[in-house]
Amino acid sequence: MIVIPGLTRDPAFLATRTEQKRDPGFRRDDGVAITRTEYILDESPSSQHCGVVAIVGAPNAGKSTLVNALVGQKVAITSPKAQTTRTRVMGVAIEGDAQIVLVDTPGIFAPKRRLDRAMVQAAWGGAQGADLIALIVDGKAGLGPKMEPIIAALKARPERKWLILNKVDIAIKEKLLVHTQRLYEEIDFAETFFVSAATGDGLAELKSAFAKAMPEGPWHFPEDQVSDATDRMLAAEITREQLYHQLHAELPYAAAVDTEQYKEREDGSVEIHQQILVARPTQRAIVLGKGGQRLKEIGSKARAELATLLGCKVHLYLHVKVKEDWEDDRFIYRDIGLDWVD
């Protein structure tokens, strides 16, 4: 359920719709169902533009923070922990008559296990068929061995490529130009931007440039839809984000959140049951904390954020389960939005 506070619609855009369908999975903040993608646009000439921008880069480059900032609200979770984003997340931004579909992809790195391979496959899959690929580079961390496979792969891709150096607010300015020159020696970028997704510096110019680069054509999504994520997936991601925020380095990367049950109650509230999967009993103890206090805090923070995002009261029930082989469970991959890889 994606909540759009203060939802408004442009009458001119609404006039082009010849049919509208409503779906209870998408609601305004006042509870009224809003339209989703099953609408028909009038065939008359339109000045609308729409396209797909694939956001790729190394882990922790700030891709999800950038997508959230361009959309104007949270559609992807963030944390200082590398490889927080595990699957493709789509955010929808609007600038003038242009709709920009931003595909936030997992960080690209050298995969060592099945989950890693699935994430990298999802990253490059998100770039397939995009109108342009935006390479996000951490301006502070700069280049290094982790960038080499990304650069090599981008060279052979036919899509237009833009370079975006992020975190310029904390980067050494002289090194930004060095990084840019080195990358231009490898890849023919059409545009370059220096931004800070955290502070907003340069984002207005970037968003405007994205809009101008979008091809003419009807919008893919209703103007009040900001993501393609389901409520079930969103709930799992918000809880996983709290795991990372509160446990930091204490919790190994091998943890997942599975939404076992998601249902709407008659009073309009939502009931969510989730299990947190860890690989070892010692990890379970870390998540639980002394007397279960850590798990209660994780649940409290996740519940509050979900209530804001969903626009209703949330009843969240968490339990922690040790499942040593969860990374080899096809159903877990399906639930978190990843394709199974051999």
Protein backbone atom coordinates (compact mmCIF):
# COMPACT_ATOMS: atom_id res chain seq x y z
CA MET A 1 0.00 0.00 0.00
CA ILE A 2 1.69 3.20 -1.14
CA VAL A 3 0.42 6.30 0.67
CA ILE A 4 0.55 9.63 -1.13
CA PRO A 5 0.08 12.45 1.41
CA GLY A 6 -1.95 15.37 0.05
CA LEU A 7 -2.69 13.53 -3.19
CA THR A 8 -3.58 15.77 -6.12
CA ARG A 9 -4.23 15.07 -9.77
CA ASP A 10 -3.86 17.24 -12.84
CA PRO A 11 -7.30 17.51 -14.51
CA ALA A 12 -5.63 17.72 -17.92
CA PHE A 13 -3.98 14.35 -17.34
CA LEU A 14 -7.13 12.80 -15.95
CA ALA A 15 -9.01 13.90 -19.06
CA THR A 16 -6.82 11.66 -21.22
CA ARG A 17 -7.92 8.54 -19.35
CA THR A 18 -10.79 6.71 -20.97
CA GLU A 19 -10.98 3.98 -18.37
CA GLN A 20 -9.89 3.73 -14.73
CA LYS A 21 -9.67 0.73 -12.49
CA ARG A 22 -9.21 0.89 -8.74
CA ASP A 23 -7.17 -1.46 -6.62
CA PRO A 24 -7.44 -1.70 -2.81
CA GLY A 25 -3.70 -2.33 -2.67
CA PHE A 26 -3.05 1.35 -3.47
CA ARG A 27 -4.75 3.94 -1.28
CA ARG A 28 -4.57 7.64 -0.58
CA ASP A 29 -3.91 8.83 2.95
CA ASP A 30 -7.69 9.21 3.42
CA GLY A 31 -8.25 5.51 2.58
CA VAL A 32 -9.71 5.96 -0.90
CA ALA A 33 -8.44 3.44 -3.48
CA ILE A 34 -6.46 5.02 -6.29
CA THR A 35 -5.85 3.86 -9.84
CA ARG A 36 -2.89 1.74 -10.82
CA THR A 37 -1.46 0.80 -14.19
CA GLU A 38 -4.56 -0.82 -15.72
CA TYR A 39 -5.84 2.35 -17.29
CA ILE A 40 -6.09 3.30 -20.95
CA LEU A 41 -4.61 6.50 -22.30
CA ASP A 42 -6.32 8.44 -25.04
CA GLU A 43 -4.69 8.01 -28.45
CA SER A 44 -4.66 11.76 -29.11
CA PRO A 45 -1.28 13.51 -29.40
CA SER A 46 0.42 14.07 -26.05
CA SER A 47 3.40 16.07 -24.84
CA GLN A 48 4.15 13.48 -22.16
CA HIS A 49 7.57 11.91 -21.90
CA CYS A 50 8.51 8.73 -20.06
CA GLY A 51 11.60 6.58 -19.79
CA VAL A 52 13.64 4.25 -17.62
CA VAL A 53 16.89 5.16 -15.89
CA ALA A 54 18.91 2.28 -14.44
CA ILE A 55 20.90 3.33 -11.37
CA VAL A 56 24.00 1.13 -11.09
CA GLY A 57 27.21 1.23 -9.12
CA ALA A 58 29.29 -0.40 -6.42
CA PRO A 59 27.83 -1.16 -2.98
CA ASN A 60 27.42 1.87 -0.70
CA ALA A 61 27.68 4.42 -3.52
CA GLY A 62 24.41 6.00 -2.37
CA LYS A 63 22.13 4.66 -5.10
CA SER A 64 19.07 4.11 -2.89
CA THR A 65 19.49 7.48 -1.16
CA LEU A 66 19.63 9.12 -4.59
CA VAL A 67 16.49 7.36 -5.82
CA ASN A 68 14.57 8.30 -2.65
CA ALA A 69 15.64 11.92 -3.00
CA LEU A 70 14.63 12.14 -6.67
CA VAL A 71 11.25 10.49 -6.03
CA GLY A 72 10.60 12.73 -3.04
CA GLN A 73 9.83 9.98 -0.56
CA LYS A 74 11.16 6.66 0.61
CA VAL A 75 10.87 3.79 -1.86
CA ALA A 76 14.13 1.97 -1.08
CA ILE A 77 15.75 1.19 2.26
CA THR A 78 19.17 2.57 3.12
CA SER A 79 21.91 1.80 5.63
CA PRO A 80 25.68 2.19 5.98
CA LYS A 81 25.95 -1.59 5.53
CA ALA A 82 27.17 -2.62 2.10
CA GLN A 83 24.76 -4.53 -0.16
CA THR A 84 21.66 -3.34 1.70
CA THR A 85 19.66 -3.34 -1.55
CA ARG A 86 19.15 -6.94 -2.63
CA THR A 87 16.73 -6.70 -5.52
CA ARG A 88 15.54 -4.22 -8.12
CA VAL A 89 13.45 -1.42 -6.65
CA MET A 90 11.53 0.90 -8.94
CA GLY A 91 10.86 4.51 -7.99
CA VAL A 92 8.76 6.92 -10.04
CA ALA A 93 9.72 10.59 -10.21
CA ILE A 94 7.87 13.36 -12.07
CA GLU A 95 9.39 16.51 -13.49
CA GLY A 96 7.10 18.67 -15.59
CA ASP A 97 5.54 16.53 -18.31
CA ALA A 98 8.14 13.79 -17.87
CA GLN A 99 7.84 10.63 -15.80
CA ILE A 100 11.21 9.17 -14.83
CA VAL A 101 11.19 5.49 -13.85
CA LEU A 102 14.26 5.00 -11.66
CA VAL A 103 15.44 1.40 -11.25
CA ASP A 104 17.50 1.13 -8.07
CA THR A 105 19.70 -1.93 -8.45
CA PRO A 106 21.80 -3.92 -5.96
CA GLY A 107 25.41 -2.89 -5.71
CA ILE A 108 27.60 -4.70 -8.22
CA PHE A 109 30.48 -6.67 -6.73
CA ALA A 110 32.40 -9.92 -7.19
CA PRO A 111 29.88 -12.64 -6.20
CA LYS A 112 31.05 -15.47 -3.98
CA ARG A 113 27.82 -17.35 -3.21
CA ARG A 114 24.34 -17.94 -4.62
CA LEU A 115 22.76 -14.88 -2.99
CA ASP A 116 25.59 -12.71 -4.32
CA ARG A 117 25.13 -14.07 -7.84
CA ALA A 118 21.39 -13.46 -7.70
CA MET A 119 21.92 -9.87 -6.58
CA VAL A 120 24.45 -9.09 -9.30
CA GLN A 121 22.16 -10.69 -11.88
CA ALA A 122 19.31 -8.49 -10.62
CA ALA A 123 21.53 -5.42 -10.94
CA TRP A 124 22.40 -5.97 -14.59
CA GLY A 125 18.87 -7.18 -15.29
CA GLY A 126 17.61 -3.81 -14.08
CA ALA A 127 19.75 -2.10 -16.70
CA GLN A 128 18.40 -4.22 -19.55
CA GLY A 129 16.41 -2.11 -21.98
CA ALA A 130 16.82 1.12 -20.01
CA ASP A 131 16.76 4.43 -21.87
CA LEU A 132 19.96 5.32 -20.08
CA ILE A 133 22.27 3.90 -17.44
CA ALA A 134 23.48 6.17 -14.66
CA LEU A 135 26.71 5.01 -13.04
CA ILE A 136 26.83 6.24 -9.44
CA VAL A 137 30.32 6.62 -8.02
CA ASP A 138 31.13 7.34 -4.39
CA GLY A 139 33.08 10.59 -4.74
CA LYS A 140 34.70 10.14 -1.33
CA ALA A 141 35.76 6.50 -1.71
CA GLY A 142 36.74 7.02 -5.33
CA LEU A 143 37.76 4.25 -7.69
CA GLY A 144 39.46 0.97 -6.96
CA PRO A 145 39.38 -2.76 -7.67
CA LYS A 146 35.64 -2.94 -6.89
CA MET A 147 34.93 -0.62 -9.83
CA GLU A 148 36.89 -2.64 -12.40
CA PRO A 149 34.20 -5.26 -13.22
CA ILE A 150 31.54 -2.55 -13.42
CA ILE A 151 33.59 -0.46 -15.83
CA ALA A 152 34.39 -3.52 -17.94
CA ALA A 153 30.73 -4.50 -18.17
CA LEU A 154 29.53 -0.97 -18.97
CA LYS A 155 31.95 -0.63 -21.86
CA ALA A 156 30.12 -3.26 -23.86
CA ARG A 157 26.59 -2.04 -23.16
CA PRO A 158 24.75 -0.15 -25.92
CA GLU A 159 22.62 2.10 -23.69
CA ARG A 160 23.43 5.78 -23.17
CA LYS A 161 25.58 6.22 -20.11
CA TRP A 162 25.74 9.08 -17.63
CA LEU A 163 28.29 9.52 -14.86
CA ILE A 164 27.11 10.75 -11.46
CA LEU A 165 29.66 11.40 -8.74
CA ASN A 166 27.86 11.30 -5.40
CA LYS A 167 28.79 12.44 -1.88
CA VAL A 168 30.52 15.57 -3.16
CA ASP A 169 29.76 17.24 0.18
CA ILE A 170 32.34 15.02 1.90
CA ALA A 171 34.69 14.33 -1.02
CA ILE A 172 38.00 16.03 -1.78
CA LYS A 173 37.13 18.31 -4.68
CA GLU A 174 40.43 17.91 -6.53
CA LYS A 175 40.05 14.13 -6.56
CA LEU A 176 36.59 14.34 -8.13
CA LEU A 177 38.12 15.63 -11.35
CA VAL A 178 40.76 12.91 -11.26
CA HIS A 179 38.08 10.22 -10.88
CA THR A 180 36.09 11.77 -13.72
CA GLN A 181 39.07 11.85 -16.07
CA ARG A 182 39.97 8.23 -15.34
CA LEU A 183 36.40 7.07 -15.99
CA TYR A 184 36.15 9.05 -19.23
CA GLU A 185 39.27 7.25 -20.44
CA GLU A 186 37.35 3.99 -20.13
CA ILE A 187 33.73 4.84 -20.97
CA ASP A 188 32.10 7.32 -23.32
CA PHE A 189 29.72 9.10 -20.93
CA ALA A 190 27.21 11.49 -22.48
CA GLU A 191 26.80 13.58 -19.32
CA THR A 192 28.46 14.07 -15.95
CA PHE A 193 26.93 15.38 -12.73
CA PHE A 194 28.33 16.10 -9.27
CA VAL A 195 25.72 15.66 -6.55
CA SER A 196 25.07 14.89 -2.92
CA ALA A 197 22.03 12.70 -2.44
CA ALA A 198 22.26 13.30 1.30
CA THR A 199 22.18 17.11 1.19
CA GLY A 200 20.34 17.58 -2.10
CA ASP A 201 23.15 19.48 -3.79
CA GLY A 202 22.86 19.20 -7.57
CA LEU A 203 19.72 17.06 -7.51
CA ALA A 204 17.42 19.66 -9.07
CA GLU A 205 19.74 19.95 -12.07
CA LEU A 206 20.07 16.16 -12.33
CA LYS A 207 16.32 15.58 -12.17
CA SER A 208 15.71 18.24 -14.82
CA ALA A 209 18.33 16.66 -17.08
CA PHE A 210 16.79 13.20 -16.62
CA ALA A 211 13.40 14.63 -17.59
CA LYS A 212 14.76 16.22 -20.76
CA ALA A 213 16.41 12.92 -21.73
CA MET A 214 13.19 10.91 -21.52
CA PRO A 215 11.65 9.91 -24.87
CA GLU A 216 8.20 11.12 -25.85
CA GLY A 217 5.44 8.74 -24.88
CA PRO A 218 2.68 8.07 -22.34
CA TRP A 219 3.49 7.66 -18.68
CA HIS A 220 3.92 4.08 -17.49
CA PHE A 221 2.37 4.73 -14.07
CA PRO A 222 -0.42 6.90 -12.66
CA GLU A 223 0.98 10.19 -11.42
CA ASP A 224 0.23 9.32 -7.81
CA GLN A 225 2.14 6.02 -7.78
CA VAL A 226 5.73 6.24 -6.54
CA SER A 227 6.88 2.61 -6.59
CA ASP A 228 6.09 -0.82 -7.97
CA ALA A 229 6.87 -2.50 -4.63
CA THR A 230 4.05 -4.49 -3.01
CA ASP A 231 3.04 -3.78 0.58
CA ARG A 232 4.28 -7.24 1.57
CA MET A 233 7.73 -6.58 0.13
CA LEU A 234 7.84 -3.07 1.59
CA ALA A 235 7.08 -4.41 5.07
CA ALA A 236 9.93 -6.93 4.89
CA GLU A 237 12.37 -4.29 3.65
CA ILE A 238 11.51 -1.80 6.41
CA THR A 239 12.10 -4.44 9.10
CA ARG A 240 15.38 -5.49 7.47
CA GLU A 241 16.46 -1.86 7.40
CA GLN A 242 15.90 -1.61 11.16
CA LEU A 243 18.00 -4.74 11.66
CA TYR A 244 20.90 -3.05 9.92
CA HIS A 245 20.42 0.32 11.60
CA GLN A 246 20.25 -1.06 15.12
CA LEU A 247 22.70 -3.95 14.97
CA HIS A 248 25.33 -2.41 12.67
CA ALA A 249 28.39 -4.69 12.52
CA GLU A 250 26.99 -7.07 15.13
CA LEU A 251 24.70 -8.79 12.63
CA PRO A 252 26.35 -10.59 9.71
CA TYR A 253 25.12 -9.98 6.20
CA ALA A 254 23.43 -13.39 6.15
CA ALA A 255 20.03 -12.37 7.52
CA ALA A 256 16.66 -12.08 5.82
CA VAL A 257 13.11 -11.04 6.67
CA ASP A 258 10.21 -13.12 5.39
CA THR A 259 6.66 -11.73 5.60
CA GLU A 260 4.64 -14.84 6.43
CA GLN A 261 1.27 -13.12 6.68
CA TYR A 262 -0.09 -9.74 5.63
CA LYS A 263 -3.78 -8.94 6.04
CA GLU A 264 -6.06 -5.96 6.45
CA ARG A 265 -8.35 -5.96 9.47
CA GLU A 266 -11.94 -4.78 9.37
CA ASP A 267 -11.01 -1.61 11.29
CA GLY A 268 -8.64 -0.56 8.48
CA SER A 269 -5.45 -1.51 10.29
CA VAL A 270 -2.91 -3.99 8.94
CA GLU A 271 -1.66 -7.14 10.64
CA ILE A 272 1.81 -8.35 9.63
CA HIS A 273 3.62 -11.49 10.76
CA GLN A 274 7.31 -11.77 9.91
CA GLN A 275 10.16 -14.10 10.65
CA ILE A 276 13.75 -12.92 10.78
CA LEU A 277 16.00 -15.63 9.38
CA VAL A 278 19.57 -16.02 10.63
CA ALA A 279 22.15 -18.73 10.00
CA ARG A 280 23.33 -19.51 13.55
CA PRO A 281 21.97 -19.57 17.14
CA THR A 282 24.51 -16.92 18.17
CA GLN A 283 23.02 -14.56 15.58
CA ARG A 284 19.54 -15.23 16.94
CA ALA A 285 20.73 -14.19 20.39
CA ILE A 286 22.10 -10.94 18.96
CA VAL A 287 18.80 -10.07 17.29
CA LEU A 288 16.78 -10.92 20.40
CA GLY A 289 18.99 -8.98 22.78
CA LYS A 290 18.82 -9.23 26.56
CA GLY A 291 15.34 -10.29 27.56
CA GLY A 292 14.16 -9.79 23.99
CA GLN A 293 14.59 -6.01 24.25
CA ARG A 294 16.51 -5.63 21.00
CA LEU A 295 13.81 -7.38 19.00
CA LYS A 296 11.14 -5.23 20.67
CA GLU A 297 13.02 -2.07 19.67
CA ILE A 298 13.42 -3.29 16.09
CA GLY A 299 9.71 -4.04 15.94
CA SER A 300 8.75 -0.70 17.47
CA LYS A 301 10.80 1.34 14.97
CA ALA A 302 9.66 -0.73 11.99
CA ARG A 303 6.03 -0.53 13.09
CA ALA A 304 6.16 3.25 13.39
CA GLU A 305 7.70 3.72 9.94
CA LEU A 306 5.28 1.29 8.30
CA ALA A 307 2.34 3.12 9.86
CA THR A 308 3.59 6.35 8.29
CA LEU A 309 4.18 4.78 4.88
CA LEU A 310 0.94 2.81 4.81
CA GLY A 311 -1.22 5.48 6.38
CA CYS A 312 -2.86 3.20 8.93
CA LYS A 313 -2.27 1.47 12.25
CA VAL A 314 0.11 -1.49 11.96
CA HIS A 315 0.18 -4.62 14.13
CA LEU A 316 3.63 -6.11 13.59
CA TYR A 317 4.61 -9.48 15.03
CA LEU A 318 8.24 -10.61 14.78
CA HIS A 319 10.02 -13.81 15.63
CA VAL A 320 13.57 -14.96 14.96
CA LYS A 321 14.30 -18.33 13.38
CA VAL A 322 17.60 -20.11 12.85
CA LYS A 323 17.70 -21.53 9.32
CA GLU A 324 21.24 -22.40 8.34
CA ASP A 325 20.46 -22.97 4.67
CA TRP A 326 18.04 -20.09 4.05
CA GLU A 327 20.25 -18.86 1.19
CA ASP A 328 19.46 -22.11 -0.64
CA ASP A 329 15.69 -21.82 -0.24
CA ARG A 330 13.96 -20.98 -3.54
CA PHE A 331 10.89 -19.64 -1.74
CA ILE A 332 12.95 -17.06 0.16
CA TYR A 333 14.41 -15.79 -3.11
CA ARG A 334 10.91 -15.49 -4.54
CA ASP A 335 9.65 -13.59 -1.51
CA ILE A 336 12.48 -11.06 -1.54
CA GLY A 337 12.13 -10.53 -5.30
CA LEU A 338 15.21 -12.33 -6.60
CA ASP A 339 15.45 -14.89 -9.39
CA TRP A 340 16.91 -18.26 -8.44
CA VAL A 341 20.39 -18.86 -9.84
CA ASP A 342 22.39 -22.07 -10.00
